[in-house]
Amino acid sequence: MKKPSPIYQLKVTLADSKPPIWRRFLVASDMDLGLFHAILQDVMGWTDSHLHQFIADGVMYSTPGEADDFEMDFMDESKCKLSQVLKQEKASLIYEYDFGDSWMHKIVLEKVLPNDGSIIIPSCIKGKRACPPEDCGGIWGYENLIAIIQDPKHPEYQDMREWLAEDFDPEHFDLDEINEALKAYRKPHS
């Protein structure tokens, strides 16, 4: 019987977010980058409505054909394992989501853990702050949005409140909600 692949403890941080928006989570090291993209979407709280890419050692990985309009040369993410781009602790890669808003994420391999079957993967173990709403203009648009919704006298306050989900709170982080979404990726015990 094949020995299970190690578990990666990763930290993903949304670049330039102040205060930082981040998540710490556990995944199998042998998954392909296509599956890792799907898990990242749930970990961060995105809706997978836009193009994406991974950048590791100057090589770009994405879904074949997905970004043909951008005339960028991508490697097929489904043919690359996470362990091929994150080979040791402290190694990192970049994940860009939504080429228009350009949400840049830094992903760092914090720890390599043995997989003895006792750790539930994938799972999120910690994080801070809410994921920004889709299509709000990248990190700078998000900072502007936060400034507007914190000032009821701002001329755009009402419009922005109507555009946002009614209960949007930039400080909100729900670990249980993320782990509920991640259940879809867990293998049933045999």
C-alpha atoms as a PDB file:
ATOM      1  CA  MET A   1       0.000   0.000   0.000  1.00  0.00           C
ATOM      2  CA  LYS A   2       1.295   3.434  -0.998  1.00  0.00           C
ATOM      3  CA  LYS A   3       2.301   5.721   1.853  1.00  0.00           C
ATOM      4  CA  PRO A   4       0.067   8.824   2.003  1.00  0.00           C
ATOM      5  CA  SER A   5       1.637  12.047   0.751  1.00  0.00           C
ATOM      6  CA  PRO A   6       2.646  14.616   3.363  1.00  0.00           C
ATOM      7  CA  ILE A   7       0.281  17.363   4.420  1.00  0.00           C
ATOM      8  CA  TYR A   8       1.138  20.971   3.698  1.00  0.00           C
ATOM      9  CA  GLN A   9       0.317  23.716   6.173  1.00  0.00           C
ATOM     10  CA  LEU A  10       0.004  26.823   4.033  1.00  0.00           C
ATOM     11  CA  LYS A  11      -0.632  30.490   4.664  1.00  0.00           C
ATOM     12  CA  VAL A  12      -2.268  32.563   1.942  1.00  0.00           C
ATOM     13  CA  THR A  13      -2.239  36.339   2.297  1.00  0.00           C
ATOM     14  CA  LEU A  14      -4.008  38.803   0.025  1.00  0.00           C
ATOM     15  CA  ALA A  15      -1.211  41.105  -1.150  1.00  0.00           C
ATOM     16  CA  ASP A  16      -1.309  44.727  -0.012  1.00  0.00           C
ATOM     17  CA  SER A  17      -4.291  44.164   2.311  1.00  0.00           C
ATOM     18  CA  LYS A  18      -3.991  46.331   5.397  1.00  0.00           C
ATOM     19  CA  PRO A  19      -4.689  44.999   7.918  1.00  0.00           C
ATOM     20  CA  PRO A  20      -3.846  41.661   6.303  1.00  0.00           C
ATOM     21  CA  ILE A  21      -6.514  39.304   4.967  1.00  0.00           C
ATOM     22  CA  TRP A  22      -5.139  35.789   5.353  1.00  0.00           C
ATOM     23  CA  ARG A  23      -5.913  32.113   5.917  1.00  0.00           C
ATOM     24  CA  ARG A  24      -3.890  29.196   7.303  1.00  0.00           C
ATOM     25  CA  PHE A  25      -4.987  25.835   5.939  1.00  0.00           C
ATOM     26  CA  LEU A  26      -4.005  22.193   5.442  1.00  0.00           C
ATOM     27  CA  VAL A  27      -4.001  20.302   2.148  1.00  0.00           C
ATOM     28  CA  ALA A  28      -2.537  17.159   0.602  1.00  0.00           C
ATOM     29  CA  SER A  29       0.833  17.921  -0.987  1.00  0.00           C
ATOM     30  CA  ASP A  30       0.142  15.697  -4.001  1.00  0.00           C
ATOM     31  CA  MET A  31      -2.923  17.513  -5.357  1.00  0.00           C
ATOM     32  CA  ASP A  32      -2.715  19.190  -8.757  1.00  0.00           C
ATOM     33  CA  LEU A  33      -2.865  22.978  -9.050  1.00  0.00           C
ATOM     34  CA  GLY A  34      -6.335  22.821 -10.645  1.00  0.00           C
ATOM     35  CA  LEU A  35      -7.789  21.262  -7.503  1.00  0.00           C
ATOM     36  CA  PHE A  36      -5.691  23.595  -5.362  1.00  0.00           C
ATOM     37  CA  HIS A  37      -7.265  26.566  -7.204  1.00  0.00           C
ATOM     38  CA  ALA A  38     -10.754  25.297  -6.330  1.00  0.00           C
ATOM     39  CA  ILE A  39      -9.793  24.866  -2.675  1.00  0.00           C
ATOM     40  CA  LEU A  40      -8.213  28.344  -2.573  1.00  0.00           C
ATOM     41  CA  GLN A  41     -11.438  29.836  -3.867  1.00  0.00           C
ATOM     42  CA  ASP A  42     -13.354  28.363  -0.916  1.00  0.00           C
ATOM     43  CA  VAL A  43     -10.615  29.101   1.620  1.00  0.00           C
ATOM     44  CA  MET A  44     -10.510  32.782   0.651  1.00  0.00           C
ATOM     45  CA  GLY A  45     -14.214  33.210  -0.093  1.00  0.00           C
ATOM     46  CA  TRP A  46     -14.075  33.995  -3.810  1.00  0.00           C
ATOM     47  CA  THR A  47     -16.779  32.788  -6.219  1.00  0.00           C
ATOM     48  CA  ASP A  48     -14.581  31.424  -9.066  1.00  0.00           C
ATOM     49  CA  SER A  49     -16.095  33.937 -11.505  1.00  0.00           C
ATOM     50  CA  HIS A  50     -12.830  35.055 -13.127  1.00  0.00           C
ATOM     51  CA  LEU A  51      -9.599  33.829 -14.663  1.00  0.00           C
ATOM     52  CA  HIS A  52      -6.653  32.886 -12.481  1.00  0.00           C
ATOM     53  CA  GLN A  53      -3.020  31.860 -12.606  1.00  0.00           C
ATOM     54  CA  PHE A  54      -0.278  30.544 -10.383  1.00  0.00           C
ATOM     55  CA  ILE A  55       3.257  31.879 -10.735  1.00  0.00           C
ATOM     56  CA  ALA A  56       6.130  29.781  -9.397  1.00  0.00           C
ATOM     57  CA  ASP A  57       9.779  30.339 -10.296  1.00  0.00           C
ATOM     58  CA  GLY A  58       8.745  32.523 -13.232  1.00  0.00           C
ATOM     59  CA  VAL A  59       6.446  29.852 -14.705  1.00  0.00           C
ATOM     60  CA  MET A  60       2.712  30.556 -15.090  1.00  0.00           C
ATOM     61  CA  TYR A  61       0.140  27.789 -14.579  1.00  0.00           C
ATOM     62  CA  SER A  62      -3.566  27.968 -15.394  1.00  0.00           C
ATOM     63  CA  THR A  63      -6.442  26.097 -16.996  1.00  0.00           C
ATOM     64  CA  PRO A  64      -5.681  25.269 -20.653  1.00  0.00           C
ATOM     65  CA  GLY A  65      -7.501  27.615 -23.021  1.00  0.00           C
ATOM     66  CA  GLU A  66      -8.881  29.728 -20.199  1.00  0.00           C
ATOM     67  CA  ALA A  67      -6.667  32.749 -20.824  1.00  0.00           C
ATOM     68  CA  ASP A  68      -6.153  32.441 -24.596  1.00  0.00           C
ATOM     69  CA  ASP A  69      -7.501  35.979 -25.122  1.00  0.00           C
ATOM     70  CA  PHE A  70      -4.630  37.305 -23.017  1.00  0.00           C
ATOM     71  CA  GLU A  71      -2.029  35.648 -25.272  1.00  0.00           C
ATOM     72  CA  MET A  72      -0.115  34.426 -22.250  1.00  0.00           C
ATOM     73  CA  ASP A  73       1.865  31.225 -22.239  1.00  0.00           C
ATOM     74  CA  PHE A  74       0.581  28.985 -19.446  1.00  0.00           C
ATOM     75  CA  MET A  75       1.527  25.512 -18.346  1.00  0.00           C
ATOM     76  CA  ASP A  76      -1.445  23.212 -17.681  1.00  0.00           C
ATOM     77  CA  GLU A  77      -2.168  23.457 -13.953  1.00  0.00           C
ATOM     78  CA  SER A  78      -3.805  20.021 -13.934  1.00  0.00           C
ATOM     79  CA  LYS A  79      -0.453  18.456 -14.861  1.00  0.00           C
ATOM     80  CA  CYS A  80       1.480  20.067 -12.005  1.00  0.00           C
ATOM     81  CA  LYS A  81       1.383  18.873  -8.406  1.00  0.00           C
ATOM     82  CA  LEU A  82       1.532  21.321  -5.515  1.00  0.00           C
ATOM     83  CA  SER A  83       4.643  19.496  -4.267  1.00  0.00           C
ATOM     84  CA  GLN A  84       6.394  20.309  -7.574  1.00  0.00           C
ATOM     85  CA  VAL A  85       6.137  24.076  -7.001  1.00  0.00           C
ATOM     86  CA  LEU A  86       6.399  24.107  -3.201  1.00  0.00           C
ATOM     87  CA  LYS A  87       9.258  21.750  -2.434  1.00  0.00           C
ATOM     88  CA  GLN A  88      10.348  22.844   1.045  1.00  0.00           C
ATOM     89  CA  GLU A  89       9.214  24.874   4.021  1.00  0.00           C
ATOM     90  CA  LYS A  90       9.271  28.662   3.450  1.00  0.00           C
ATOM     91  CA  ALA A  91       8.880  28.162  -0.312  1.00  0.00           C
ATOM     92  CA  SER A  92       6.204  30.370  -1.862  1.00  0.00           C
ATOM     93  CA  LEU A  93       4.190  30.966  -4.993  1.00  0.00           C
ATOM     94  CA  ILE A  94       1.851  33.666  -6.259  1.00  0.00           C
ATOM     95  CA  TYR A  95      -1.822  33.122  -7.039  1.00  0.00           C
ATOM     96  CA  GLU A  96      -3.571  35.797  -9.094  1.00  0.00           C
ATOM     97  CA  TYR A  97      -7.331  35.791  -9.271  1.00  0.00           C
ATOM     98  CA  ASP A  98      -9.323  38.036 -11.642  1.00  0.00           C
ATOM     99  CA  PHE A  99      -6.962  39.576 -14.189  1.00  0.00           C
ATOM    100  CA  GLY A 100      -9.046  42.786 -14.173  1.00  0.00           C
ATOM    101  CA  ASP A 101      -9.003  43.410 -10.418  1.00  0.00           C
ATOM    102  CA  SER A 102      -5.692  41.530 -10.088  1.00  0.00           C
ATOM    103  CA  TRP A 103      -6.117  40.019  -6.635  1.00  0.00           C
ATOM    104  CA  MET A 104      -2.595  38.848  -5.841  1.00  0.00           C
ATOM    105  CA  HIS A 105      -2.089  36.245  -3.118  1.00  0.00           C
ATOM    106  CA  LYS A 106       1.175  35.046  -1.646  1.00  0.00           C
ATOM    107  CA  ILE A 107       1.096  31.405  -0.604  1.00  0.00           C
ATOM    108  CA  VAL A 108       3.817  30.193   1.756  1.00  0.00           C
ATOM    109  CA  LEU A 109       4.527  26.591   2.739  1.00  0.00           C
ATOM    110  CA  GLU A 110       4.832  26.934   6.522  1.00  0.00           C
ATOM    111  CA  LYS A 111       5.141  23.279   7.532  1.00  0.00           C
ATOM    112  CA  VAL A 112       5.308  19.812   6.029  1.00  0.00           C
ATOM    113  CA  LEU A 113       3.397  17.403   8.279  1.00  0.00           C
ATOM    114  CA  PRO A 114       3.286  13.600   8.205  1.00  0.00           C
ATOM    115  CA  ASN A 115       0.022  12.176   6.939  1.00  0.00           C
ATOM    116  CA  ASP A 116      -0.940   9.513   9.463  1.00  0.00           C
ATOM    117  CA  GLY A 117      -4.645   9.807   8.650  1.00  0.00           C
ATOM    118  CA  SER A 118      -5.479  11.716  11.833  1.00  0.00           C
ATOM    119  CA  ILE A 119      -5.588  15.190  10.229  1.00  0.00           C
ATOM    120  CA  ILE A 120      -8.658  16.177   8.246  1.00  0.00           C
ATOM    121  CA  ILE A 121      -7.720  17.627   4.868  1.00  0.00           C
ATOM    122  CA  PRO A 122      -8.422  19.986   3.358  1.00  0.00           C
ATOM    123  CA  SER A 123      -9.225  22.184   6.334  1.00  0.00           C
ATOM    124  CA  CYS A 124      -8.782  25.794   7.344  1.00  0.00           C
ATOM    125  CA  ILE A 125      -7.330  26.272  10.817  1.00  0.00           C
ATOM    126  CA  LYS A 126      -7.169  30.053  11.164  1.00  0.00           C
ATOM    127  CA  GLY A 127      -7.641  33.333   9.353  1.00  0.00           C
ATOM    128  CA  LYS A 128      -8.420  37.009   9.604  1.00  0.00           C
ATOM    129  CA  ARG A 129     -10.901  39.351   7.948  1.00  0.00           C
ATOM    130  CA  ALA A 130     -13.478  38.892   5.218  1.00  0.00           C
ATOM    131  CA  CYS A 131     -12.715  38.239   1.587  1.00  0.00           C
ATOM    132  CA  PRO A 132     -13.351  41.392  -0.457  1.00  0.00           C
ATOM    133  CA  PRO A 133     -16.471  41.378  -2.634  1.00  0.00           C
ATOM    134  CA  GLU A 134     -15.968  40.336  -6.253  1.00  0.00           C
ATOM    135  CA  ASP A 135     -15.585  43.121  -8.838  1.00  0.00           C
ATOM    136  CA  CYS A 136     -14.851  45.942  -6.404  1.00  0.00           C
ATOM    137  CA  GLY A 137     -11.734  47.138  -8.241  1.00  0.00           C
ATOM    138  CA  GLY A 138      -8.865  45.199  -6.688  1.00  0.00           C
ATOM    139  CA  ILE A 139      -7.224  45.973  -3.376  1.00  0.00           C
ATOM    140  CA  TRP A 140      -7.287  49.740  -3.948  1.00  0.00           C
ATOM    141  CA  GLY A 141     -10.956  49.688  -4.928  1.00  0.00           C
ATOM    142  CA  TYR A 142     -11.638  47.613  -1.833  1.00  0.00           C
ATOM    143  CA  GLU A 143      -9.863  50.100   0.431  1.00  0.00           C
ATOM    144  CA  ASN A 144     -11.953  52.888  -1.125  1.00  0.00           C
ATOM    145  CA  LEU A 145     -15.127  50.833  -0.636  1.00  0.00           C
ATOM    146  CA  ILE A 146     -14.307  50.300   3.062  1.00  0.00           C
ATOM    147  CA  ALA A 147     -13.693  54.030   3.531  1.00  0.00           C
ATOM    148  CA  ILE A 148     -17.076  54.804   1.939  1.00  0.00           C
ATOM    149  CA  ILE A 149     -19.126  52.309   3.980  1.00  0.00           C
ATOM    150  CA  GLN A 150     -17.530  53.545   7.207  1.00  0.00           C
ATOM    151  CA  ASP A 151     -18.760  57.089   6.519  1.00  0.00           C
ATOM    152  CA  PRO A 152     -22.583  57.339   6.384  1.00  0.00           C
ATOM    153  CA  LYS A 153     -22.207  60.966   5.228  1.00  0.00           C
ATOM    154  CA  HIS A 154     -20.179  59.975   2.147  1.00  0.00           C
ATOM    155  CA  PRO A 155     -22.111  60.783  -1.079  1.00  0.00           C
ATOM    156  CA  GLU A 156     -21.665  57.172  -2.316  1.00  0.00           C
ATOM    157  CA  TYR A 157     -22.514  55.525   1.020  1.00  0.00           C
ATOM    158  CA  GLN A 158     -26.079  54.486   0.101  1.00  0.00           C
ATOM    159  CA  ASP A 159     -25.097  53.197  -3.364  1.00  0.00           C
ATOM    160  CA  MET A 160     -22.249  51.105  -1.952  1.00  0.00           C
ATOM    161  CA  ARG A 161     -24.406  49.690   0.855  1.00  0.00           C
ATOM    162  CA  GLU A 162     -27.022  48.658  -1.725  1.00  0.00           C
ATOM    163  CA  TRP A 163     -24.356  47.082  -3.944  1.00  0.00           C
ATOM    164  CA  LEU A 164     -22.820  45.084  -1.093  1.00  0.00           C
ATOM    165  CA  ALA A 165     -24.340  42.071   0.553  1.00  0.00           C
ATOM    166  CA  GLU A 166     -26.567  43.421   3.296  1.00  0.00           C
ATOM    167  CA  ASP A 167     -24.543  41.955   6.131  1.00  0.00           C
ATOM    168  CA  PHE A 168     -21.028  42.584   4.730  1.00  0.00           C
ATOM    169  CA  ASP A 169     -18.519  43.196   7.516  1.00  0.00           C
ATOM    170  CA  PRO A 170     -14.835  43.572   6.519  1.00  0.00           C
ATOM    171  CA  GLU A 171     -13.732  42.128   9.881  1.00  0.00           C
ATOM    172  CA  HIS A 172     -15.893  38.995   9.592  1.00  0.00           C
ATOM    173  CA  PHE A 173     -14.163  35.613   9.379  1.00  0.00           C
ATOM    174  CA  ASP A 174     -16.127  32.368   9.714  1.00  0.00           C
ATOM    175  CA  LEU A 175     -13.899  29.317  10.112  1.00  0.00           C
ATOM    176  CA  ASP A 176     -16.879  26.927  10.296  1.00  0.00           C
ATOM    177  CA  GLU A 177     -18.316  28.245   7.025  1.00  0.00           C
ATOM    178  CA  ILE A 178     -15.012  27.708   5.210  1.00  0.00           C
ATOM    179  CA  ASN A 179     -14.594  24.181   6.587  1.00  0.00           C
ATOM    180  CA  GLU A 180     -18.162  23.344   5.610  1.00  0.00           C
ATOM    181  CA  ALA A 181     -17.327  24.306   2.004  1.00  0.00           C
ATOM    182  CA  LEU A 182     -14.095  22.275   2.126  1.00  0.00           C
ATOM    183  CA  LYS A 183     -15.987  19.079   2.981  1.00  0.00           C
ATOM    184  CA  ALA A 184     -16.734  18.754  -0.740  1.00  0.00           C
ATOM    185  CA  TYR A 185     -13.036  17.986  -1.371  1.00  0.00           C
ATOM    186  CA  ARG A 186     -12.569  15.394   1.345  1.00  0.00           C
ATOM    187  CA  LYS A 187     -12.204  11.758   0.414  1.00  0.00           C
ATOM    188  CA  PRO A 188     -14.595   9.397   2.176  1.00  0.00           C
ATOM    189  CA  HIS A 189     -12.922   6.950   4.543  1.00  0.00           C
ATOM    190  CA  SER A 190     -12.876   3.448   3.142  1.00  0.00           C
END
